[in-house]
Amino acid sequence: MITLNVDLDERGYPIFIGRALLGRSEELLAEKIVSKQVVIVTNETIAPLYLDEVVAKLKAFDVETIVLPDGEQFKTLDTVMQIFDALVSRKFGRKVTLIALGGGVVGDMTGFAAACYQRGVPFIQIPTTLLSQVDSSVGGKTGVNHPQGKNMIGAFHQPKAVLIDTDVLNTLDSRQFSAGLAEVIKYGLIRDASFFSWLEENIGLINQKESEILAETIERCCQSKADIVEEDEHEGGVRALLNLGHTFGHAIEAGEGYGEYLHGEAVSIGICMAADLSSRMGWLSRDDVERITSLLKKAMLPIVPPSTMKREQFMRLMAGDKKNVDGQLRLVLMRKIGDAVVTDQFDSNALKETLDSYGRE
């Protein structure tokens, strides 16, 4: 087992990474649970696979469960209200610990419920998808979608621990696994060119879920995320780099309807569009654009936007992005692989060219 730490003083927490860790849930998490009261929040897909095992291992606690519908389209205030209804009706107090057992949607909604219930209760992340293991479970971003924008309603609320069992990825379907690789590749692009090169060399083994390579992949991503969160917990600066591809990607998710594209699939397309714009700006070489698109394709990810989305729809949806300041669109672009920047100083004509022609030429 690998143990990393997110150093945020009194809000700091461990990240446990390894095989068969669900079976060690009580051993690893007991000291992070503040009372006998525990509520596990999961969904209809994960519950039959892992819920009974985690409940059985937490035998020292009084565990209750909440099972939500599965899918990005259910990442709403109405679904979070189901969590609140259950907590209130069962008379849970401020000492209850919520455990998110699932992918990024479950983690985000459980964390948001924990941030709000009785003005804040502790929660723990047990992510079960690659995307949530390498990205969304770490850093304390929680929330839900609004019809006009992704993750527009939420709060920063750090977990007490993150338990990553790499064995659960064996039951993850290939599409969901590939979606997680978009976030993996992102880490190499924003400020770790050596990791990007390592991914190019090892993508075949990663696709095969080779255990040691997969564990190293997750560890390197989580360490990078932890470093960034320690430097900028509330996204006032460098943390915004983690949104590479997300402004374009979130527009695709909202424009096509939540659930049509998996988050990682939309981010993959967004990364390609950001790379194209970066090249049109004279920053990123065309060779580097090809390296990026080639790696994403090898990860079995889409690289072109849906033909149904035109420039005007992109611009309208991107105008609501959370990185924008005073109505000014800000994008994460790349000077080169491993060197990204958040900027509003981009050529508007170049952006129009990307939106009009990328993937349509």
Protein backbone atom coordinates (compact mmCIF):
# COMPACT_ATOMS: atom_id res chain seq x y z
CA MET A 1 0.00 0.00 0.00
CA ILE A 2 1.09 3.54 -0.80
CA THR A 3 0.12 6.38 1.53
CA LEU A 4 0.21 9.98 0.34
CA ASN A 5 -0.75 13.01 2.38
CA VAL A 6 -2.56 16.21 1.45
CA ASP A 7 -0.99 18.77 3.78
CA LEU A 8 -3.63 21.36 4.64
CA ASP A 9 -2.82 21.73 8.35
CA GLU A 10 -5.88 20.68 10.39
CA ARG A 11 -7.77 19.87 7.16
CA GLY A 12 -5.06 17.55 5.87
CA TYR A 13 -5.76 13.89 5.15
CA PRO A 14 -4.22 10.64 3.88
CA ILE A 15 -4.71 8.99 0.49
CA PHE A 16 -4.39 5.21 0.68
CA ILE A 17 -3.61 3.46 -2.65
CA GLY A 18 -3.33 -0.29 -3.10
CA ARG A 19 -4.95 -3.62 -3.84
CA ALA A 20 -7.68 -5.21 -1.68
CA LEU A 21 -8.07 -2.10 0.46
CA LEU A 22 -11.87 -2.40 0.76
CA GLY A 23 -11.16 -5.37 3.01
CA ARG A 24 -9.13 -3.07 5.26
CA SER A 25 -11.76 -0.33 5.47
CA GLU A 26 -12.12 -0.37 9.26
CA GLU A 27 -8.38 -0.62 9.90
CA LEU A 28 -7.60 2.34 7.63
CA LEU A 29 -10.61 4.57 8.27
CA ALA A 30 -11.62 4.00 11.92
CA GLU A 31 -9.64 6.91 13.32
CA LYS A 32 -11.20 9.24 10.74
CA ILE A 33 -14.76 8.40 11.81
CA VAL A 34 -15.81 10.65 14.69
CA SER A 35 -18.74 8.66 16.17
CA LYS A 36 -20.61 5.39 15.78
CA GLN A 37 -22.86 6.98 13.15
CA VAL A 38 -21.85 6.21 9.55
CA VAL A 39 -23.89 6.61 6.37
CA ILE A 40 -22.55 5.13 3.13
CA VAL A 41 -23.84 6.85 -0.01
CA THR A 42 -23.51 4.85 -3.21
CA ASN A 43 -25.47 4.21 -6.41
CA GLU A 44 -27.44 1.42 -8.04
CA THR A 45 -24.45 0.20 -10.06
CA ILE A 46 -21.88 0.07 -7.26
CA ALA A 47 -24.15 -1.15 -4.46
CA PRO A 48 -24.44 -4.77 -5.71
CA LEU A 49 -20.67 -4.95 -6.23
CA TYR A 50 -19.11 -3.47 -3.11
CA LEU A 51 -21.63 -2.11 -0.59
CA ASP A 52 -22.04 -5.29 1.46
CA GLU A 53 -18.28 -5.74 1.74
CA VAL A 54 -17.67 -2.24 3.06
CA VAL A 55 -20.62 -2.44 5.49
CA ALA A 56 -19.34 -5.79 6.81
CA LYS A 57 -15.84 -4.44 7.37
CA LEU A 58 -17.10 -1.42 9.35
CA LYS A 59 -18.55 -3.70 12.02
CA ALA A 60 -17.53 -1.40 14.89
CA PHE A 61 -19.95 1.26 13.62
CA ASP A 62 -23.69 1.69 13.19
CA VAL A 63 -23.81 1.83 9.40
CA GLU A 64 -26.78 2.86 7.30
CA THR A 65 -26.86 3.22 3.53
CA ILE A 66 -28.33 5.45 0.84
CA VAL A 67 -28.49 4.14 -2.74
CA LEU A 68 -28.91 6.78 -5.46
CA PRO A 69 -29.66 6.42 -9.18
CA ASP A 70 -26.55 6.18 -11.37
CA GLY A 71 -25.59 8.74 -14.01
CA GLU A 72 -24.42 12.30 -14.61
CA GLN A 73 -28.01 13.32 -15.35
CA PHE A 74 -28.82 12.68 -11.66
CA LYS A 75 -26.11 15.02 -10.37
CA THR A 76 -28.69 17.57 -9.25
CA LEU A 77 -30.04 19.34 -6.20
CA ASP A 78 -33.06 17.03 -6.30
CA THR A 79 -30.82 14.00 -5.86
CA VAL A 80 -28.83 15.64 -3.06
CA MET A 81 -32.16 16.34 -1.39
CA GLN A 82 -32.64 12.57 -1.21
CA ILE A 83 -29.50 12.42 0.94
CA PHE A 84 -30.74 15.26 3.16
CA ASP A 85 -34.18 13.64 3.49
CA ALA A 86 -32.61 10.37 4.63
CA LEU A 87 -30.28 12.07 7.12
CA VAL A 88 -33.06 14.16 8.64
CA SER A 89 -35.65 11.39 8.78
CA ARG A 90 -33.16 9.06 10.48
CA LYS A 91 -32.22 11.84 12.92
CA PHE A 92 -28.50 11.93 12.24
CA GLY A 93 -26.59 14.69 14.03
CA ARG A 94 -23.37 16.61 13.50
CA LYS A 95 -21.21 13.63 14.42
CA VAL A 96 -22.36 11.49 11.49
CA THR A 97 -19.68 10.57 8.95
CA LEU A 98 -20.72 10.20 5.33
CA ILE A 99 -18.79 7.79 3.11
CA ALA A 100 -18.95 8.24 -0.67
CA LEU A 101 -18.66 4.83 -2.32
CA GLY A 102 -18.72 5.36 -6.08
CA GLY A 103 -17.44 7.47 -8.93
CA GLY A 104 -17.14 11.21 -9.28
CA VAL A 105 -20.89 11.88 -9.30
CA VAL A 106 -21.41 10.05 -5.99
CA GLY A 107 -18.31 11.67 -4.51
CA ASP A 108 -19.27 15.19 -5.54
CA MET A 109 -22.85 14.88 -4.29
CA THR A 110 -21.91 13.18 -1.02
CA GLY A 111 -19.25 15.79 -0.36
CA PHE A 112 -21.71 18.58 -1.10
CA ALA A 113 -24.30 17.03 1.23
CA ALA A 114 -21.61 16.73 3.92
CA ALA A 115 -20.61 20.37 3.44
CA CYS A 116 -24.21 21.52 3.91
CA TYR A 117 -25.81 19.12 6.40
CA GLN A 118 -26.03 20.87 9.77
CA ARG A 119 -23.44 23.32 8.35
CA GLY A 120 -20.84 20.66 7.81
CA VAL A 121 -20.17 17.04 8.77
CA PRO A 122 -17.13 14.86 7.98
CA PHE A 123 -16.96 12.61 4.94
CA ILE A 124 -14.65 10.02 3.42
CA GLN A 125 -14.06 9.18 -0.24
CA ILE A 126 -13.89 5.60 -1.55
CA PRO A 127 -13.70 6.23 -5.32
CA THR A 128 -14.53 3.34 -7.64
CA THR A 129 -13.72 4.76 -11.10
CA LEU A 130 -10.33 5.69 -12.51
CA LEU A 131 -11.46 9.30 -13.03
CA SER A 132 -12.53 9.69 -9.42
CA GLN A 133 -9.42 7.91 -8.14
CA VAL A 134 -6.98 10.19 -9.95
CA ASP A 135 -8.90 13.44 -9.74
CA SER A 136 -12.30 14.20 -8.25
CA SER A 137 -11.89 12.35 -4.92
CA VAL A 138 -8.88 14.51 -3.97
CA GLY A 139 -9.04 18.22 -3.29
CA GLY A 140 -12.43 18.89 -1.70
CA LYS A 141 -14.38 20.15 -4.71
CA THR A 142 -18.00 19.13 -4.26
CA GLY A 143 -21.22 20.07 -5.99
CA VAL A 144 -23.94 19.47 -8.53
CA ASN A 145 -24.77 20.55 -12.06
CA HIS A 146 -27.16 23.26 -13.21
CA PRO A 147 -28.92 22.88 -16.58
CA GLN A 148 -26.89 25.84 -17.84
CA GLY A 149 -23.53 24.81 -16.47
CA LYS A 150 -21.46 21.98 -15.00
CA ASN A 151 -20.74 22.04 -11.24
CA MET A 152 -22.18 25.52 -10.87
CA ILE A 153 -23.53 24.83 -7.36
CA GLY A 154 -21.13 23.51 -4.74
CA ALA A 155 -18.63 24.03 -1.96
CA PHE A 156 -15.04 23.31 -1.00
CA HIS A 157 -15.17 20.60 1.68
CA GLN A 158 -12.13 18.39 2.20
CA PRO A 159 -12.58 14.68 2.97
CA LYS A 160 -11.08 13.10 6.07
CA ALA A 161 -9.46 10.35 4.00
CA VAL A 162 -9.40 8.88 0.50
CA LEU A 163 -9.24 5.09 0.13
CA ILE A 164 -8.31 3.93 -3.38
CA ASP A 165 -8.62 0.19 -3.99
CA THR A 166 -7.16 -0.47 -7.43
CA ASP A 167 -8.88 -3.88 -7.61
CA VAL A 168 -12.27 -2.22 -8.11
CA LEU A 169 -11.12 -1.08 -11.54
CA ASN A 170 -11.39 -4.70 -12.69
CA THR A 171 -15.18 -4.30 -12.76
CA LEU A 172 -15.04 -0.91 -14.52
CA ASP A 173 -16.18 -1.03 -18.12
CA SER A 174 -13.76 0.01 -20.85
CA ARG A 175 -15.56 3.25 -21.69
CA GLN A 176 -15.46 4.47 -18.09
CA PHE A 177 -11.81 3.41 -17.77
CA SER A 178 -10.85 5.37 -20.88
CA ALA A 179 -12.75 8.40 -19.60
CA GLY A 180 -10.50 8.40 -16.54
CA LEU A 181 -7.41 8.41 -18.73
CA ALA A 182 -8.31 11.88 -20.01
CA GLU A 183 -7.70 13.25 -16.51
CA VAL A 184 -4.51 11.17 -16.21
CA ILE A 185 -3.10 12.63 -19.43
CA LYS A 186 -4.08 16.11 -18.27
CA TYR A 187 -1.56 15.94 -15.41
CA GLY A 188 1.30 15.40 -17.83
CA LEU A 189 0.18 18.28 -20.02
CA ILE A 190 -0.22 20.95 -17.36
CA ARG A 191 3.18 20.75 -15.67
CA ASP A 192 4.91 17.36 -15.93
CA ALA A 193 6.29 16.65 -19.39
CA SER A 194 8.23 13.63 -18.10
CA PHE A 195 4.98 12.04 -16.92
CA PHE A 196 3.44 12.65 -20.34
CA SER A 197 6.38 10.86 -21.97
CA TRP A 198 6.05 8.02 -19.44
CA LEU A 199 2.37 7.70 -20.37
CA GLU A 200 3.28 7.51 -24.07
CA GLU A 201 5.63 4.62 -23.27
CA ASN A 202 3.21 2.77 -20.99
CA ILE A 203 -0.26 3.43 -22.42
CA GLY A 204 -0.52 -0.16 -23.68
CA LEU A 205 0.08 -1.62 -20.21
CA ILE A 206 -2.24 0.95 -18.66
CA ASN A 207 -5.00 -0.05 -21.08
CA GLN A 208 -4.43 -3.66 -20.00
CA LYS A 209 -4.76 -2.58 -16.33
CA GLU A 210 -1.35 -4.02 -15.48
CA SER A 211 -1.41 -3.71 -11.69
CA GLU A 212 1.98 -2.17 -10.93
CA ILE A 213 1.84 0.32 -13.80
CA LEU A 214 -1.73 1.23 -12.90
CA ALA A 215 -0.81 1.82 -9.26
CA GLU A 216 2.09 4.05 -10.31
CA THR A 217 -0.21 5.98 -12.64
CA ILE A 218 -2.71 6.65 -9.86
CA GLU A 219 0.02 7.52 -7.37
CA ARG A 220 1.65 10.08 -9.68
CA CYS A 221 -1.69 11.71 -10.46
CA CYS A 222 -2.74 11.89 -6.81
CA GLN A 223 0.64 13.31 -5.79
CA SER A 224 0.38 15.98 -8.47
CA LYS A 225 -3.17 16.83 -7.39
CA ALA A 226 -2.12 16.93 -3.72
CA ASP A 227 0.78 19.27 -4.50
CA ILE A 228 -1.48 21.64 -6.39
CA VAL A 229 -4.22 21.61 -3.73
CA GLU A 230 -1.65 22.31 -1.00
CA GLU A 231 -0.47 25.31 -2.99
CA ASP A 232 -3.93 26.62 -3.91
CA GLU A 233 -6.81 25.00 -2.03
CA HIS A 234 -9.60 27.26 -3.27
CA GLU A 235 -8.52 27.68 -6.90
CA GLY A 236 -7.30 31.25 -6.69
CA GLY A 237 -4.33 30.55 -8.92
CA VAL A 238 -2.43 27.43 -10.00
CA ARG A 239 -5.26 25.01 -9.22
CA ALA A 240 -7.19 26.37 -12.19
CA LEU A 241 -4.63 24.59 -14.41
CA LEU A 242 -6.42 21.36 -13.49
CA ASN A 243 -9.25 22.61 -15.71
CA LEU A 244 -7.30 22.05 -18.93
CA GLY A 245 -9.88 21.05 -21.52
CA HIS A 246 -12.74 21.55 -19.08
CA THR A 247 -14.14 24.83 -20.41
CA PHE A 248 -14.67 23.27 -23.84
CA GLY A 249 -15.59 19.92 -22.28
CA HIS A 250 -18.19 21.30 -19.87
CA ALA A 251 -19.82 23.13 -22.79
CA ILE A 252 -20.08 19.82 -24.66
CA GLU A 253 -21.61 18.07 -21.64
CA ALA A 254 -24.19 20.80 -21.15
CA GLY A 255 -24.86 21.31 -24.84
CA GLU A 256 -25.37 17.64 -25.65
CA GLY A 257 -27.21 16.81 -22.42
CA TYR A 258 -25.55 15.47 -19.29
CA GLY A 259 -24.77 11.80 -19.70
CA GLU A 260 -24.47 11.76 -23.51
CA TYR A 261 -20.71 12.24 -23.15
CA LEU A 262 -18.88 10.96 -20.10
CA HIS A 263 -17.00 13.74 -18.34
CA GLY A 264 -13.61 12.35 -19.35
CA GLU A 265 -14.70 11.98 -22.96
CA ALA A 266 -15.77 15.62 -23.10
CA VAL A 267 -12.52 16.68 -21.40
CA SER A 268 -10.51 14.71 -23.98
CA ILE A 269 -12.16 16.66 -26.79
CA GLY A 270 -11.64 19.85 -24.82
CA ILE A 271 -7.93 19.12 -24.44
CA CYS A 272 -7.65 18.69 -28.20
CA MET A 273 -9.46 21.97 -28.79
CA ALA A 274 -7.21 23.74 -26.27
CA ALA A 275 -4.18 22.26 -28.02
CA ASP A 276 -5.47 23.43 -31.39
CA LEU A 277 -6.02 26.96 -30.10
CA SER A 278 -2.61 26.95 -28.42
CA SER A 279 -1.06 26.03 -31.77
CA ARG A 280 -2.99 28.75 -33.61
CA MET A 281 -1.60 31.17 -31.02
CA GLY A 282 1.91 30.12 -32.00
CA TRP A 283 2.61 28.50 -28.63
CA LEU A 284 2.26 24.75 -29.07
CA SER A 285 3.99 23.12 -32.04
CA ARG A 286 1.94 21.06 -34.47
CA ASP A 287 4.16 18.08 -33.58
CA ASP A 288 3.10 18.44 -29.95
CA VAL A 289 -0.56 18.73 -30.98
CA GLU A 290 -0.15 15.44 -32.84
CA ARG A 291 1.51 13.81 -29.80
CA ILE A 292 -1.42 14.88 -27.63
CA THR A 293 -4.13 13.69 -30.00
CA SER A 294 -2.24 10.45 -30.66
CA LEU A 295 -2.03 9.59 -26.95
CA LEU A 296 -5.70 10.38 -26.40
CA LYS A 297 -6.62 8.15 -29.35
CA LYS A 298 -4.47 5.33 -27.94
CA ALA A 299 -6.43 5.76 -24.71
CA MET A 300 -9.59 5.07 -26.77
CA LEU A 301 -10.91 8.59 -26.28
CA PRO A 302 -12.80 10.88 -28.70
CA ILE A 303 -10.85 13.85 -30.07
CA VAL A 304 -13.38 15.87 -32.09
CA PRO A 305 -16.44 17.81 -30.90
CA PRO A 306 -19.96 16.74 -31.82
CA SER A 307 -21.01 18.00 -35.24
CA THR A 308 -24.24 19.31 -33.72
CA MET A 309 -22.42 21.95 -31.67
CA LYS A 310 -21.58 25.20 -33.44
CA ARG A 311 -19.52 28.20 -32.42
CA GLU A 312 -22.43 30.22 -31.03
CA GLN A 313 -23.50 27.43 -28.67
CA PHE A 314 -19.94 26.88 -27.47
CA MET A 315 -19.50 30.58 -26.77
CA ARG A 316 -22.80 30.88 -24.93
CA LEU A 317 -22.06 27.93 -22.68
CA MET A 318 -18.40 28.84 -22.14
CA ALA A 319 -19.47 32.33 -21.04
CA GLY A 320 -20.75 30.80 -17.79
CA ASP A 321 -17.46 29.08 -16.92
CA LYS A 322 -16.36 29.48 -13.29
CA LYS A 323 -12.85 30.62 -14.28
CA ASN A 324 -14.19 33.72 -15.99
CA VAL A 325 -13.57 37.06 -14.28
CA ASP A 326 -15.79 40.12 -14.81
CA GLY A 327 -17.38 38.48 -17.83
CA GLN A 328 -14.02 37.85 -19.49
CA LEU A 329 -13.50 34.32 -20.81
CA ARG A 330 -10.40 32.63 -19.37
CA LEU A 331 -8.96 29.44 -20.81
CA VAL A 332 -6.27 26.96 -19.85
CA LEU A 333 -3.86 26.79 -22.79
CA MET A 334 -0.42 25.26 -23.33
CA ARG A 335 2.85 26.96 -24.23
CA LYS A 336 4.28 23.46 -24.63
CA ILE A 337 3.68 20.00 -23.19
CA GLY A 338 4.14 20.31 -19.44
CA ASP A 339 3.69 24.09 -19.40
CA ALA A 340 0.08 25.29 -19.16
CA VAL A 341 -1.27 28.72 -18.30
CA VAL A 342 -4.65 30.23 -17.37
CA THR A 343 -5.18 33.27 -19.54
CA ASP A 344 -7.65 35.70 -21.01
CA GLN A 345 -4.95 36.94 -23.37
CA PHE A 346 -5.78 34.81 -26.36
CA ASP A 347 -6.57 35.77 -29.94
CA SER A 348 -10.36 35.88 -30.27
CA ASN A 349 -10.09 35.19 -33.98
CA ALA A 350 -7.98 32.12 -33.28
CA LEU A 351 -10.66 30.91 -30.86
CA LYS A 352 -13.32 31.38 -33.53
CA GLU A 353 -11.18 29.38 -35.96
CA THR A 354 -10.86 26.54 -33.45
CA LEU A 355 -14.59 26.51 -32.72
CA ASP A 356 -15.49 26.70 -36.41
CA SER A 357 -13.02 24.25 -37.85
CA TYR A 358 -11.44 21.88 -35.32
CA GLY A 359 -12.54 18.38 -36.19
CA ARG A 360 -14.60 19.65 -39.11
CA GLU A 361 -11.85 20.28 -41.64
